[in-house]
């Protein structure tokens, strides 16, 4: 099937060139400098991650813009996590089709979580379905001192009530 499609495309390009027509220009890329694509820029940087309540460092994180500024990637490492070394990577991006942010998070323990949400005030709030019908909500909150707070909540009743999951503070290295 792929060979047939390729042959058809080649034939169309050849006939267009033979007829004196220029091939169609490539589709224009979206302008990822638009404000919606910049809503998570406050999270970009190299971080030390702390348990907010207990005050001790739990991980390091590096968040970089990727894909010509259309997305961000986090690389999270916690070499001394309970249960053994832990790391995860997330890819987050604004989807111009639905006007929402989406994040896919994968980790070394075989978990994959897909979040979606949007900016609420200054907070980026993303939600995902978890195991057994639980809901997970994650908030990235920029703090006045340049730090970022990440708060995770869980709900087992369809979002009527929320229980604390984690509370981390990202501080620039």
N, C-alpha and C. Protein backbone atom coordinates (compact mmCIF):
# COMPACT_ATOMS: atom_id res chain seq x y z
N UNK A 1 0.82 -1.19 0.00
CA UNK A 1 0.00 0.00 0.00
C UNK A 1 0.87 1.26 0.00
N UNK A 2 1.91 1.27 0.86
CA UNK A 2 2.79 2.42 0.93
C UNK A 2 3.51 2.64 -0.40
N UNK A 3 3.92 1.56 -1.08
CA UNK A 3 4.60 1.69 -2.38
C UNK A 3 3.67 2.32 -3.40
N UNK A 4 2.39 1.95 -3.38
CA UNK A 4 1.42 2.50 -4.32
C UNK A 4 1.23 4.00 -4.06
N UNK A 5 1.10 4.38 -2.76
CA UNK A 5 0.93 5.80 -2.43
C UNK A 5 2.15 6.60 -2.85
N UNK A 6 3.34 6.06 -2.61
CA UNK A 6 4.57 6.75 -2.98
C UNK A 6 4.64 6.91 -4.50
N UNK A 7 4.30 5.85 -5.23
CA UNK A 7 4.34 5.91 -6.70
C UNK A 7 3.34 6.94 -7.21
N UNK A 8 2.16 7.01 -6.61
CA UNK A 8 1.16 7.98 -7.02
C UNK A 8 1.65 9.41 -6.75
N UNK A 9 2.26 9.63 -5.59
CA UNK A 9 2.79 10.95 -5.26
C UNK A 9 3.90 11.34 -6.24
N UNK A 10 4.78 10.42 -6.56
CA UNK A 10 5.86 10.68 -7.51
C UNK A 10 5.30 11.02 -8.89
N UNK A 11 4.27 10.28 -9.31
CA UNK A 11 3.66 10.53 -10.61
C UNK A 11 3.02 11.91 -10.65
N UNK A 12 2.34 12.31 -9.56
CA UNK A 12 1.72 13.64 -9.52
C UNK A 12 2.77 14.74 -9.57
N UNK A 13 3.87 14.56 -8.83
CA UNK A 13 4.93 15.57 -8.83
C UNK A 13 5.56 15.66 -10.23
N UNK A 14 5.78 14.52 -10.87
CA UNK A 14 6.39 14.49 -12.19
C UNK A 14 5.49 15.15 -13.21
N UNK A 15 4.17 14.85 -13.14
CA UNK A 15 3.25 15.46 -14.11
C UNK A 15 3.12 16.95 -13.88
N UNK A 16 3.17 17.41 -12.62
CA UNK A 16 3.11 18.84 -12.33
C UNK A 16 4.34 19.54 -12.88
N UNK A 17 5.52 18.92 -12.68
CA UNK A 17 6.76 19.52 -13.17
C UNK A 17 6.76 19.55 -14.69
N UNK A 18 6.26 18.47 -15.33
CA UNK A 18 6.21 18.41 -16.79
C UNK A 18 5.25 19.46 -17.33
N UNK A 19 4.21 19.78 -16.61
CA UNK A 19 3.23 20.76 -17.06
C UNK A 19 3.68 22.18 -16.72
N UNK A 20 4.88 22.33 -16.16
CA UNK A 20 5.40 23.66 -15.85
C UNK A 20 4.91 24.20 -14.52
N UNK A 21 4.28 23.36 -13.71
CA UNK A 21 3.78 23.81 -12.41
C UNK A 21 4.80 23.48 -11.33
N UNK A 22 4.97 24.38 -10.41
CA UNK A 22 5.86 24.13 -9.28
C UNK A 22 5.15 23.22 -8.29
N UNK A 23 5.88 22.32 -7.63
CA UNK A 23 5.25 21.49 -6.61
C UNK A 23 4.67 22.37 -5.50
N UNK A 24 3.64 21.89 -4.85
CA UNK A 24 3.00 22.64 -3.77
C UNK A 24 4.00 22.88 -2.65
N UNK A 25 3.99 24.08 -2.07
CA UNK A 25 4.90 24.35 -0.96
C UNK A 25 4.50 23.53 0.26
N UNK A 26 5.45 23.24 1.15
CA UNK A 26 5.10 22.50 2.36
C UNK A 26 4.13 23.30 3.21
N UNK A 27 3.31 22.60 3.97
CA UNK A 27 2.33 23.26 4.84
C UNK A 27 3.07 24.14 5.85
N UNK A 28 2.51 25.30 6.12
CA UNK A 28 3.12 26.23 7.07
C UNK A 28 3.04 25.66 8.48
N UNK A 29 4.11 25.87 9.27
CA UNK A 29 4.11 25.42 10.65
C UNK A 29 3.38 26.46 11.49
N UNK A 30 2.76 26.01 12.59
CA UNK A 30 2.10 26.98 13.46
C UNK A 30 3.13 27.90 14.10
N UNK A 31 2.70 29.08 14.45
CA UNK A 31 3.57 30.04 15.13
C UNK A 31 3.56 29.71 16.61
N UNK A 32 4.56 28.97 17.05
CA UNK A 32 4.61 28.55 18.45
C UNK A 32 5.15 29.63 19.37
N UNK A 33 5.32 30.84 18.85
CA UNK A 33 5.67 31.95 19.73
C UNK A 33 4.39 32.64 20.22
N UNK A 34 3.23 32.19 19.74
CA UNK A 34 1.96 32.76 20.18
C UNK A 34 1.79 32.56 21.69
N UNK A 35 1.05 33.42 22.36
CA UNK A 35 0.94 33.38 23.83
C UNK A 35 0.53 32.02 24.41
N UNK A 36 -0.38 31.30 23.77
CA UNK A 36 -0.82 30.01 24.33
C UNK A 36 0.34 29.03 24.48
N UNK A 37 1.27 29.05 23.55
CA UNK A 37 2.41 28.13 23.59
C UNK A 37 3.43 28.54 24.66
N UNK A 38 3.32 29.72 25.20
CA UNK A 38 4.27 30.23 26.20
C UNK A 38 3.75 30.07 27.62
N UNK A 39 2.56 29.51 27.81
CA UNK A 39 1.93 29.46 29.13
C UNK A 39 2.68 28.60 30.15
N UNK A 40 3.53 27.70 29.71
CA UNK A 40 4.28 26.86 30.62
C UNK A 40 5.77 27.25 30.68
N UNK A 41 6.11 28.37 30.08
CA UNK A 41 7.52 28.81 30.06
C UNK A 41 8.08 29.02 31.47
N UNK A 42 7.23 29.34 32.45
CA UNK A 42 7.72 29.56 33.81
C UNK A 42 8.36 28.30 34.40
N UNK A 43 8.09 27.14 33.80
CA UNK A 43 8.61 25.86 34.30
C UNK A 43 9.94 25.49 33.63
N UNK A 44 10.32 26.19 32.59
CA UNK A 44 11.56 25.88 31.86
C UNK A 44 12.76 26.24 32.72
N UNK A 45 13.72 25.32 32.83
CA UNK A 45 14.95 25.59 33.57
C UNK A 45 15.53 24.33 34.17
N UNK A 46 16.60 24.52 34.94
CA UNK A 46 17.22 23.43 35.68
C UNK A 46 16.86 23.62 37.15
N UNK A 47 16.36 22.55 37.78
CA UNK A 47 15.75 22.65 39.10
C UNK A 47 16.30 21.64 40.08
N UNK A 48 16.23 22.02 41.35
CA UNK A 48 16.30 21.08 42.46
C UNK A 48 14.88 21.00 42.99
N UNK A 49 14.41 19.78 43.23
CA UNK A 49 13.02 19.57 43.63
C UNK A 49 12.99 19.18 45.11
N UNK A 50 12.15 19.87 45.86
CA UNK A 50 12.05 19.67 47.30
C UNK A 50 10.65 19.24 47.70
N UNK A 51 10.56 18.38 48.73
CA UNK A 51 9.28 18.09 49.37
C UNK A 51 8.90 19.37 50.10
N UNK A 52 7.79 19.98 49.73
CA UNK A 52 7.43 21.30 50.27
C UNK A 52 7.27 21.28 51.78
N UNK A 53 6.58 20.28 52.33
CA UNK A 53 6.31 20.25 53.76
C UNK A 53 7.55 19.90 54.58
N UNK A 54 8.34 18.95 54.09
CA UNK A 54 9.49 18.46 54.87
C UNK A 54 10.77 19.23 54.58
N UNK A 55 10.82 19.93 53.45
CA UNK A 55 11.95 20.80 53.15
C UNK A 55 13.19 20.14 52.59
N UNK A 56 13.20 18.82 52.41
CA UNK A 56 14.42 18.19 51.90
C UNK A 56 14.33 17.95 50.40
N UNK A 57 15.52 17.91 49.77
CA UNK A 57 15.60 17.70 48.33
C UNK A 57 15.26 16.26 48.00
N UNK A 58 14.40 16.08 46.98
CA UNK A 58 14.02 14.72 46.59
C UNK A 58 14.46 14.37 45.17
N UNK A 59 14.78 15.39 44.36
CA UNK A 59 15.09 15.10 42.96
C UNK A 59 15.73 16.31 42.30
N UNK A 60 16.16 16.08 41.06
CA UNK A 60 16.54 17.17 40.17
C UNK A 60 15.66 17.06 38.94
N UNK A 61 15.53 18.17 38.25
CA UNK A 61 14.68 18.20 37.07
C UNK A 61 15.26 19.19 36.07
N UNK A 62 15.12 18.84 34.82
CA UNK A 62 15.50 19.76 33.75
C UNK A 62 14.32 19.84 32.79
N UNK A 63 13.86 21.07 32.55
CA UNK A 63 12.73 21.30 31.66
C UNK A 63 13.22 22.18 30.51
N UNK A 64 13.11 21.65 29.29
CA UNK A 64 13.63 22.33 28.11
C UNK A 64 12.53 22.56 27.08
N UNK A 65 12.57 23.70 26.38
CA UNK A 65 11.69 23.86 25.22
C UNK A 65 12.19 22.95 24.10
N UNK A 66 11.30 22.30 23.39
CA UNK A 66 11.66 21.43 22.27
C UNK A 66 10.69 21.68 21.12
N UNK A 67 10.95 21.06 20.00
CA UNK A 67 10.09 21.16 18.81
C UNK A 67 9.84 22.61 18.41
N UNK A 68 10.92 23.34 18.24
CA UNK A 68 10.86 24.75 17.83
C UNK A 68 9.99 25.59 18.76
N UNK A 69 10.01 25.25 20.06
CA UNK A 69 9.25 26.01 21.04
C UNK A 69 7.80 25.63 21.14
N UNK A 70 7.38 24.59 20.44
CA UNK A 70 5.97 24.16 20.48
C UNK A 70 5.68 23.26 21.68
N UNK A 71 6.69 22.74 22.35
CA UNK A 71 6.51 21.79 23.44
C UNK A 71 7.62 21.98 24.46
N UNK A 72 7.43 21.37 25.63
CA UNK A 72 8.48 21.30 26.64
C UNK A 72 8.65 19.86 27.08
N UNK A 73 9.88 19.53 27.47
CA UNK A 73 10.20 18.18 27.95
C UNK A 73 10.82 18.31 29.33
N UNK A 74 10.35 17.49 30.25
CA UNK A 74 10.97 17.41 31.57
C UNK A 74 11.69 16.08 31.70
N UNK A 75 12.88 16.15 32.28
CA UNK A 75 13.62 14.95 32.69
C UNK A 75 13.79 15.05 34.20
N UNK A 76 13.15 14.14 34.90
CA UNK A 76 13.07 14.14 36.36
C UNK A 76 13.88 12.96 36.89
N UNK A 77 14.79 13.21 37.84
CA UNK A 77 15.62 12.14 38.40
C UNK A 77 15.64 12.22 39.92
N UNK A 78 15.33 11.07 40.53
CA UNK A 78 15.36 10.96 41.98
C UNK A 78 16.14 9.70 42.34
N UNK A 79 17.49 9.79 42.39
CA UNK A 79 18.31 8.60 42.59
C UNK A 79 18.11 7.91 43.93
N UNK A 80 17.61 8.63 44.93
CA UNK A 80 17.45 8.04 46.26
C UNK A 80 15.99 7.95 46.66
N UNK A 81 15.09 7.75 45.70
CA UNK A 81 13.66 7.67 45.98
C UNK A 81 13.36 6.42 46.80
N UNK A 82 12.33 6.48 47.64
CA UNK A 82 11.90 5.27 48.35
C UNK A 82 11.56 4.19 47.32
N UNK A 83 12.02 3.00 47.56
CA UNK A 83 11.77 1.91 46.61
C UNK A 83 12.80 1.82 45.50
N UNK A 84 13.82 2.67 45.55
CA UNK A 84 14.89 2.62 44.54
C UNK A 84 14.89 3.84 43.64
N UNK A 85 15.97 3.96 42.89
CA UNK A 85 16.13 5.12 42.01
C UNK A 85 14.91 5.26 41.10
N UNK A 86 14.52 6.49 40.88
CA UNK A 86 13.32 6.78 40.08
C UNK A 86 13.65 7.86 39.07
N UNK A 87 13.11 7.73 37.88
CA UNK A 87 13.20 8.81 36.90
C UNK A 87 11.99 8.75 35.98
N UNK A 88 11.68 9.89 35.42
CA UNK A 88 10.56 9.99 34.49
C UNK A 88 10.79 11.12 33.52
N UNK A 89 10.05 11.07 32.44
CA UNK A 89 10.14 12.10 31.41
C UNK A 89 8.73 12.47 31.00
N UNK A 90 8.51 13.76 30.83
CA UNK A 90 7.22 14.21 30.33
C UNK A 90 7.42 15.08 29.09
N UNK A 91 6.42 15.02 28.23
CA UNK A 91 6.34 15.88 27.06
C UNK A 91 5.02 16.62 27.17
N UNK A 92 5.09 17.95 27.17
CA UNK A 92 3.89 18.78 27.31
C UNK A 92 3.79 19.72 26.13
N UNK A 93 2.57 19.91 25.65
CA UNK A 93 2.38 20.83 24.55
C UNK A 93 0.96 21.35 24.48
N UNK A 94 0.84 22.54 23.94
CA UNK A 94 -0.46 23.16 23.71
C UNK A 94 -0.98 22.67 22.36
N UNK A 95 -2.22 22.21 22.34
CA UNK A 95 -2.84 21.72 21.11
C UNK A 95 -3.77 22.79 20.57
N UNK A 96 -3.38 23.38 19.45
CA UNK A 96 -4.19 24.47 18.86
C UNK A 96 -5.56 23.99 18.41
N UNK A 97 -5.72 22.66 18.20
CA UNK A 97 -7.00 22.14 17.73
C UNK A 97 -8.06 22.17 18.83
N UNK A 98 -7.68 21.85 20.06
CA UNK A 98 -8.68 21.83 21.12
C UNK A 98 -8.47 22.91 22.19
N UNK A 99 -7.40 23.72 22.03
CA UNK A 99 -7.17 24.82 22.96
C UNK A 99 -6.78 24.37 24.36
N UNK A 100 -6.21 23.17 24.47
CA UNK A 100 -5.83 22.63 25.77
C UNK A 100 -4.36 22.20 25.75
N UNK A 101 -3.80 22.10 26.94
CA UNK A 101 -2.47 21.54 27.12
C UNK A 101 -2.60 20.05 27.36
N UNK A 102 -1.63 19.29 26.86
CA UNK A 102 -1.59 17.84 27.06
C UNK A 102 -0.19 17.47 27.49
N UNK A 103 -0.10 16.50 28.39
CA UNK A 103 1.19 16.01 28.85
C UNK A 103 1.17 14.49 28.90
N UNK A 104 2.22 13.89 28.37
CA UNK A 104 2.41 12.45 28.50
C UNK A 104 3.62 12.25 29.40
N UNK A 105 3.41 11.51 30.48
CA UNK A 105 4.49 11.25 31.44
C UNK A 105 4.76 9.75 31.47
N UNK A 106 6.02 9.38 31.31
CA UNK A 106 6.43 7.97 31.39
C UNK A 106 7.55 7.86 32.41
N UNK A 107 7.62 6.70 33.10
CA UNK A 107 8.67 6.54 34.10
C UNK A 107 9.30 5.16 34.05
N UNK A 108 10.33 4.98 34.87
CA UNK A 108 11.09 3.74 34.88
C UNK A 108 10.36 2.59 35.58
N UNK A 109 9.21 2.87 36.14
CA UNK A 109 8.42 1.82 36.80
C UNK A 109 7.30 1.30 35.90
N UNK A 110 7.36 1.68 34.63
CA UNK A 110 6.39 1.17 33.66
C UNK A 110 5.07 1.91 33.63
N UNK A 111 5.02 3.10 34.19
CA UNK A 111 3.79 3.90 34.19
C UNK A 111 3.77 4.87 33.03
N UNK A 112 2.61 5.09 32.48
CA UNK A 112 2.39 6.11 31.46
C UNK A 112 1.08 6.80 31.81
N UNK A 113 1.13 8.11 31.94
CA UNK A 113 -0.06 8.88 32.29
C UNK A 113 -0.21 10.01 31.29
N UNK A 114 -1.43 10.21 30.83
CA UNK A 114 -1.72 11.28 29.87
C UNK A 114 -2.66 12.28 30.55
N UNK A 115 -2.17 13.48 30.70
CA UNK A 115 -2.90 14.57 31.35
C UNK A 115 -3.39 15.56 30.29
N UNK A 116 -4.43 16.29 30.63
CA UNK A 116 -4.81 17.44 29.80
C UNK A 116 -5.45 18.49 30.70
N UNK A 117 -5.37 19.74 30.24
CA UNK A 117 -5.93 20.82 31.04
C UNK A 117 -5.60 22.16 30.43
N UNK A 118 -5.60 23.16 31.29
CA UNK A 118 -5.36 24.52 30.80
C UNK A 118 -4.90 25.42 31.93
N UNK A 119 -4.54 26.62 31.52
CA UNK A 119 -4.15 27.64 32.48
C UNK A 119 -5.40 28.12 33.21
N UNK A 120 -5.32 28.15 34.54
CA UNK A 120 -6.40 28.68 35.38
C UNK A 120 -5.78 29.77 36.23
N UNK A 121 -6.00 31.02 35.84
CA UNK A 121 -5.28 32.12 36.46
C UNK A 121 -3.83 32.00 36.06
N UNK A 122 -2.93 31.90 37.04
CA UNK A 122 -1.51 31.70 36.75
C UNK A 122 -1.11 30.23 36.86
N UNK A 123 -2.00 29.37 37.31
CA UNK A 123 -1.71 27.95 37.51
C UNK A 123 -2.01 27.15 36.25
N UNK A 124 -1.10 26.22 35.92
CA UNK A 124 -1.38 25.24 34.87
C UNK A 124 -1.97 24.03 35.59
N UNK A 125 -3.22 23.70 35.27
CA UNK A 125 -3.92 22.60 35.94
C UNK A 125 -4.21 21.51 34.90
N UNK A 126 -3.67 20.32 35.17
CA UNK A 126 -3.82 19.18 34.27
C UNK A 126 -4.45 18.03 35.04
N UNK A 127 -5.26 17.22 34.36
CA UNK A 127 -5.91 16.09 35.01
C UNK A 127 -5.78 14.84 34.15
N UNK A 128 -5.86 13.68 34.81
CA UNK A 128 -5.75 12.40 34.12
C UNK A 128 -6.56 11.35 34.87
N UNK A 129 -6.94 10.32 34.14
CA UNK A 129 -7.56 9.17 34.78
C UNK A 129 -6.46 8.25 35.27
N UNK A 130 -6.66 7.70 36.47
CA UNK A 130 -5.68 6.80 37.05
C UNK A 130 -6.24 5.39 37.18
N UNK A 131 -5.53 4.56 37.92
CA UNK A 131 -5.94 3.18 38.13
C UNK A 131 -7.27 3.10 38.88
N UNK A 132 -8.07 2.14 38.51
CA UNK A 132 -9.31 1.87 39.23
C UNK A 132 -10.30 3.01 39.24
N UNK A 133 -10.28 3.86 38.23
CA UNK A 133 -11.23 4.96 38.15
C UNK A 133 -10.86 6.18 38.96
N UNK A 134 -9.67 6.19 39.55
CA UNK A 134 -9.26 7.39 40.28
C UNK A 134 -8.96 8.51 39.29
N UNK A 135 -9.05 9.71 39.77
CA UNK A 135 -8.67 10.88 38.98
C UNK A 135 -7.44 11.49 39.63
N UNK A 136 -6.54 11.99 38.79
CA UNK A 136 -5.35 12.67 39.28
C UNK A 136 -5.38 14.11 38.76
N UNK A 137 -5.07 15.03 39.63
CA UNK A 137 -4.98 16.43 39.22
C UNK A 137 -3.61 16.96 39.64
N UNK A 138 -2.98 17.65 38.71
CA UNK A 138 -1.64 18.17 38.94
C UNK A 138 -1.66 19.66 38.61
N UNK A 139 -1.13 20.45 39.53
CA UNK A 139 -1.08 21.90 39.34
C UNK A 139 0.36 22.37 39.38
N UNK A 140 0.77 23.13 38.36
CA UNK A 140 2.05 23.82 38.35
C UNK A 140 1.75 25.28 38.68
N UNK A 141 2.33 25.77 39.77
CA UNK A 141 2.05 27.14 40.22
C UNK A 141 3.34 27.94 40.28
N UNK A 142 3.49 29.00 39.46
CA UNK A 142 4.68 29.84 39.55
C UNK A 142 4.64 30.65 40.85
N UNK A 143 5.76 30.68 41.54
CA UNK A 143 5.86 31.44 42.78
C UNK A 143 6.62 32.73 42.53
N UNK A 144 6.39 33.72 43.34
CA UNK A 144 6.99 35.04 43.16
C UNK A 144 8.51 35.04 43.17
N UNK A 145 9.14 34.07 43.80
CA UNK A 145 10.60 34.04 43.91
C UNK A 145 11.26 33.28 42.77
N UNK A 146 10.51 32.94 41.71
CA UNK A 146 11.06 32.21 40.58
C UNK A 146 10.94 30.71 40.71
N UNK A 147 10.51 30.23 41.87
CA UNK A 147 10.30 28.80 42.07
C UNK A 147 8.95 28.39 41.48
N UNK A 148 8.74 27.09 41.37
CA UNK A 148 7.47 26.55 40.88
C UNK A 148 7.01 25.48 41.86
N UNK A 149 5.77 25.53 42.22
CA UNK A 149 5.19 24.50 43.10
C UNK A 149 4.37 23.55 42.25
N UNK A 150 4.56 22.25 42.49
CA UNK A 150 3.79 21.23 41.78
C UNK A 150 3.00 20.45 42.83
N UNK A 151 1.68 20.49 42.70
CA UNK A 151 0.79 19.87 43.69
C UNK A 151 -0.02 18.78 43.00
N UNK A 152 0.02 17.59 43.57
CA UNK A 152 -0.74 16.47 43.03
C UNK A 152 -1.85 16.07 43.97
N UNK A 153 -3.05 15.89 43.43
CA UNK A 153 -4.21 15.49 44.21
C UNK A 153 -4.85 14.26 43.57
N UNK A 154 -5.56 13.47 44.40
CA UNK A 154 -6.25 12.27 43.92
C UNK A 154 -7.72 12.31 44.34
N UNK A 155 -8.58 11.79 43.48
CA UNK A 155 -10.00 11.68 43.80
C UNK A 155 -10.48 10.27 43.47
N UNK A 156 -11.23 9.71 44.38
CA UNK A 156 -11.81 8.38 44.16
C UNK A 156 -13.33 8.46 44.00
N UNK A 157 -13.87 9.67 43.98
CA UNK A 157 -15.33 9.84 43.87
C UNK A 157 -15.72 10.72 42.69
N UNK A 158 -14.97 10.59 41.60
CA UNK A 158 -15.31 11.34 40.39
C UNK A 158 -15.01 12.82 40.44
N UNK A 159 -14.16 13.24 41.35
CA UNK A 159 -13.77 14.64 41.43
C UNK A 159 -14.58 15.46 42.41
N UNK A 160 -15.44 14.82 43.21
CA UNK A 160 -16.21 15.55 44.21
C UNK A 160 -15.31 16.02 45.36
N UNK A 161 -14.41 15.13 45.78
CA UNK A 161 -13.45 15.49 46.82
C UNK A 161 -12.06 15.08 46.36
N UNK A 162 -11.06 15.78 46.89
CA UNK A 162 -9.67 15.55 46.48
C UNK A 162 -8.81 15.32 47.71
N UNK A 163 -7.91 14.32 47.61
CA UNK A 163 -6.98 13.99 48.68
C UNK A 163 -5.57 14.36 48.25
N UNK A 164 -4.71 14.77 49.22
CA UNK A 164 -3.34 15.12 48.85
C UNK A 164 -2.57 13.91 48.33
N UNK A 165 -1.78 14.15 47.29
CA UNK A 165 -0.91 13.12 46.75
C UNK A 165 0.55 13.48 47.00
N UNK A 166 0.96 14.65 46.53
CA UNK A 166 2.32 15.13 46.75
C UNK A 166 2.31 16.65 46.64
N UNK A 167 3.37 17.25 47.13
CA UNK A 167 3.52 18.70 47.08
C UNK A 167 5.02 18.99 46.98
N UNK A 168 5.47 19.40 45.80
CA UNK A 168 6.88 19.63 45.53
C UNK A 168 7.11 21.10 45.20
N UNK A 169 8.29 21.59 45.54
CA UNK A 169 8.71 22.92 45.16
C UNK A 169 9.99 22.80 44.31
N UNK A 170 9.92 23.34 43.11
CA UNK A 170 11.06 23.36 42.19
C UNK A 170 11.80 24.68 42.39
N UNK A 171 13.08 24.59 42.74
CA UNK A 171 13.92 25.78 42.92
C UNK A 171 15.04 25.75 41.88
N UNK A 172 15.27 26.89 41.24
CA UNK A 172 16.30 26.99 40.22
C UNK A 172 17.66 26.59 40.80
N UNK A 173 18.41 25.87 39.99
CA UNK A 173 19.78 25.49 40.39
C UNK A 173 20.68 26.69 40.27
